[in-house]
C-alpha atoms as a PDB file:
ATOM      1  CA  MET A   1       0.022  -0.051  -0.205  1.00  0.00           C
ATOM      2  CA  LYS A   2       2.826   2.396   0.944  1.00  0.00           C
ATOM      3  CA  LEU A   3       4.315   1.667  -2.436  1.00  0.00           C
ATOM      4  CA  LEU A   4       1.264   2.476  -4.307  1.00  0.00           C
ATOM      5  CA  THR A   5       0.989   5.637  -2.657  1.00  0.00           C
ATOM      6  CA  GLY A   6       4.634   6.427  -3.177  1.00  0.00           C
ATOM      7  CA  PHE A   7       4.073   5.839  -6.853  1.00  0.00           C
ATOM      8  CA  CYS A   8       0.879   7.806  -7.199  1.00  0.00           C
ATOM      9  CA  SER A   9       2.517  10.861  -5.524  1.00  0.00           C
ATOM     10  CA  ILE A  10       5.430  10.730  -7.892  1.00  0.00           C
ATOM     11  CA  LEU A  11       3.172  10.433 -10.648  1.00  0.00           C
ATOM     12  CA  ILE A  12       1.011  13.317  -9.686  1.00  0.00           C
ATOM     13  CA  PHE A  13       4.104  15.315  -8.952  1.00  0.00           C
ATOM     14  CA  ALA A  14       5.469  14.495 -12.487  1.00  0.00           C
ATOM     15  CA  CYS A  15       2.509  15.546 -14.180  1.00  0.00           C
ATOM     16  CA  CYS A  16       2.248  18.783 -12.225  1.00  0.00           C
ATOM     17  CA  GLN A  17       5.808  19.494 -13.287  1.00  0.00           C
ATOM     18  CA  LEU A  18       4.919  18.670 -17.163  1.00  0.00           C
ATOM     19  CA  VAL A  19       1.601  20.985 -17.258  1.00  0.00           C
ATOM     20  CA  TYR A  20       3.785  23.784 -15.485  1.00  0.00           C
ATOM     21  CA  ALA A  21       6.534  23.361 -18.313  1.00  0.00           C
ATOM     22  CA  GLU A  22       4.029  23.402 -21.155  1.00  0.00           C
ATOM     23  CA  THR A  23       2.519  26.452 -19.713  1.00  0.00           C
ATOM     24  CA  LYS A  24       5.643  28.160 -19.301  1.00  0.00           C
ATOM     25  CA  ILE A  25       6.871  27.470 -22.835  1.00  0.00           C
ATOM     26  CA  ASN A  26       3.209  28.433 -24.108  1.00  0.00           C
ATOM     27  CA  SER A  27       3.573  31.815 -22.270  1.00  0.00           C
ATOM     28  CA  ASN A  28       7.198  32.542 -23.553  1.00  0.00           C
ATOM     29  CA  LEU A  29       6.041  32.085 -27.078  1.00  0.00           C
ATOM     30  CA  GLU A  30       3.845  35.061 -27.131  1.00  0.00           C
ATOM     31  CA  SER A  31       5.862  38.333 -26.980  1.00  0.00           C
ATOM     32  CA  LYS A  32       5.307  40.827 -24.219  1.00  0.00           C
ATOM     33  CA  VAL A  33       5.056  44.517 -25.566  1.00  0.00           C
ATOM     34  CA  PHE A  34       4.345  46.331 -22.595  1.00  0.00           C
ATOM     35  CA  LEU A  35       5.400  44.860 -18.636  1.00  0.00           C
ATOM     36  CA  ASN A  36       3.907  41.450 -18.824  1.00  0.00           C
ATOM     37  CA  TYR A  37       1.085  42.001 -21.140  1.00  0.00           C
ATOM     38  CA  THR A  38       0.963  40.924 -24.969  1.00  0.00           C
ATOM     39  CA  GLN A  39      -0.388  42.908 -27.271  1.00  0.00           C
ATOM     40  CA  GLU A  40      -3.580  40.999 -27.473  1.00  0.00           C
ATOM     41  CA  GLU A  41      -3.978  41.352 -23.655  1.00  0.00           C
ATOM     42  CA  LEU A  42      -3.610  45.216 -23.977  1.00  0.00           C
ATOM     43  CA  ASP A  43      -6.019  45.739 -26.697  1.00  0.00           C
ATOM     44  CA  ARG A  44      -8.646  43.574 -24.765  1.00  0.00           C
ATOM     45  CA  ASN A  45      -8.199  45.608 -21.598  1.00  0.00           C
ATOM     46  CA  TYR A  46      -8.107  49.031 -23.578  1.00  0.00           C
ATOM     47  CA  THR A  47     -11.076  48.584 -26.037  1.00  0.00           C
ATOM     48  CA  GLN A  48     -13.984  50.582 -24.348  1.00  0.00           C
ATOM     49  CA  THR A  49     -16.521  49.368 -26.568  1.00  0.00           C
ATOM     50  CA  VAL A  50     -16.017  45.596 -24.895  1.00  0.00           C
ATOM     51  CA  TRP A  51     -16.929  47.249 -21.409  1.00  0.00           C
ATOM     52  CA  ALA A  52     -19.805  49.423 -22.940  1.00  0.00           C
ATOM     53  CA  PRO A  53     -21.994  47.285 -25.364  1.00  0.00           C
ATOM     54  CA  ASN A  54     -24.398  50.301 -25.975  1.00  0.00           C
ATOM     55  CA  PHE A  55     -21.368  52.252 -27.038  1.00  0.00           C
ATOM     56  CA  LYS A  56     -23.207  53.659 -30.304  1.00  0.00           C
ATOM     57  CA  GLN A  57     -26.242  54.758 -28.178  1.00  0.00           C
ATOM     58  CA  ILE A  58     -24.188  56.507 -25.851  1.00  0.00           C
ATOM     59  CA  MET A  59     -22.129  58.538 -28.513  1.00  0.00           C
ATOM     60  CA  GLU A  60     -25.442  59.477 -30.532  1.00  0.00           C
ATOM     61  CA  ARG A  61     -26.640  60.813 -27.029  1.00  0.00           C
ATOM     62  CA  MET A  62     -23.420  62.635 -26.564  1.00  0.00           C
ATOM     63  CA  ASN A  63     -23.879  64.137 -30.012  1.00  0.00           C
ATOM     64  CA  TYR A  64     -27.510  65.153 -29.476  1.00  0.00           C
ATOM     65  CA  ARG A  65     -26.783  66.668 -26.327  1.00  0.00           C
ATOM     66  CA  SER A  66     -23.704  68.588 -27.738  1.00  0.00           C
ATOM     67  CA  GLU A  67     -25.809  69.863 -30.534  1.00  0.00           C
ATOM     68  CA  LEU A  68     -28.750  71.051 -28.287  1.00  0.00           C
ATOM     69  CA  THR A  69     -26.372  72.953 -26.094  1.00  0.00           C
ATOM     70  CA  ILE A  70     -24.786  74.741 -29.041  1.00  0.00           C
ATOM     71  CA  LYS A  71     -28.439  75.657 -30.125  1.00  0.00           C
ATOM     72  CA  THR A  72     -29.050  76.829 -26.697  1.00  0.00           C
ATOM     73  CA  LEU A  73     -26.004  78.524 -25.845  1.00  0.00           C
ATOM     74  CA  GLY A  74     -24.423  79.404 -29.338  1.00  0.00           C
ATOM     75  CA  GLU A  75     -21.245  78.645 -30.551  1.00  0.00           C
ATOM     76  CA  PRO A  76     -18.519  78.495 -28.182  1.00  0.00           C
ATOM     77  CA  GLU A  77     -16.064  81.466 -27.908  1.00  0.00           C
ATOM     78  CA  SER A  78     -12.409  81.212 -28.084  1.00  0.00           C
ATOM     79  CA  TYR A  79      -9.805  83.885 -27.368  1.00  0.00           C
ATOM     80  CA  GLN A  80      -6.139  84.012 -28.539  1.00  0.00           C
ATOM     81  CA  TYR A  81      -3.843  84.233 -25.367  1.00  0.00           C
ATOM     82  CA  ASP A  82      -0.999  86.344 -27.249  1.00  0.00           C
ATOM     83  CA  LYS A  83       0.018  87.592 -30.517  1.00  0.00           C
ATOM     84  CA  PHE A  84       2.273  84.359 -30.799  1.00  0.00           C
ATOM     85  CA  SER A  85      -0.247  81.697 -30.428  1.00  0.00           C
ATOM     86  CA  THR A  86      -1.452  79.540 -33.208  1.00  0.00           C
ATOM     87  CA  HIS A  87      -5.101  79.200 -32.108  1.00  0.00           C
ATOM     88  CA  LYS A  88      -7.343  81.063 -34.425  1.00  0.00           C
ATOM     89  CA  ASN A  89     -10.242  82.786 -33.573  1.00  0.00           C
END
């Protein structure tokens, strides 16, 4: 019985080491572009449409409210800070 228990323990340990080694090899195949992130991971985390499935509705609402504000208050005024500024009135 002790022999069987020892054999099972060795077998489990060997399998865990094999899985760990395979995982490490696969993770090294994907190149990291920033810190420990791959390009795919960065794209997935910074694509806001993933987090807001109603993205189009939000943008339409924002555009509508912006147009309504301009109709109510008029076009925004802008002022040149100095004569060297590249900003045009």
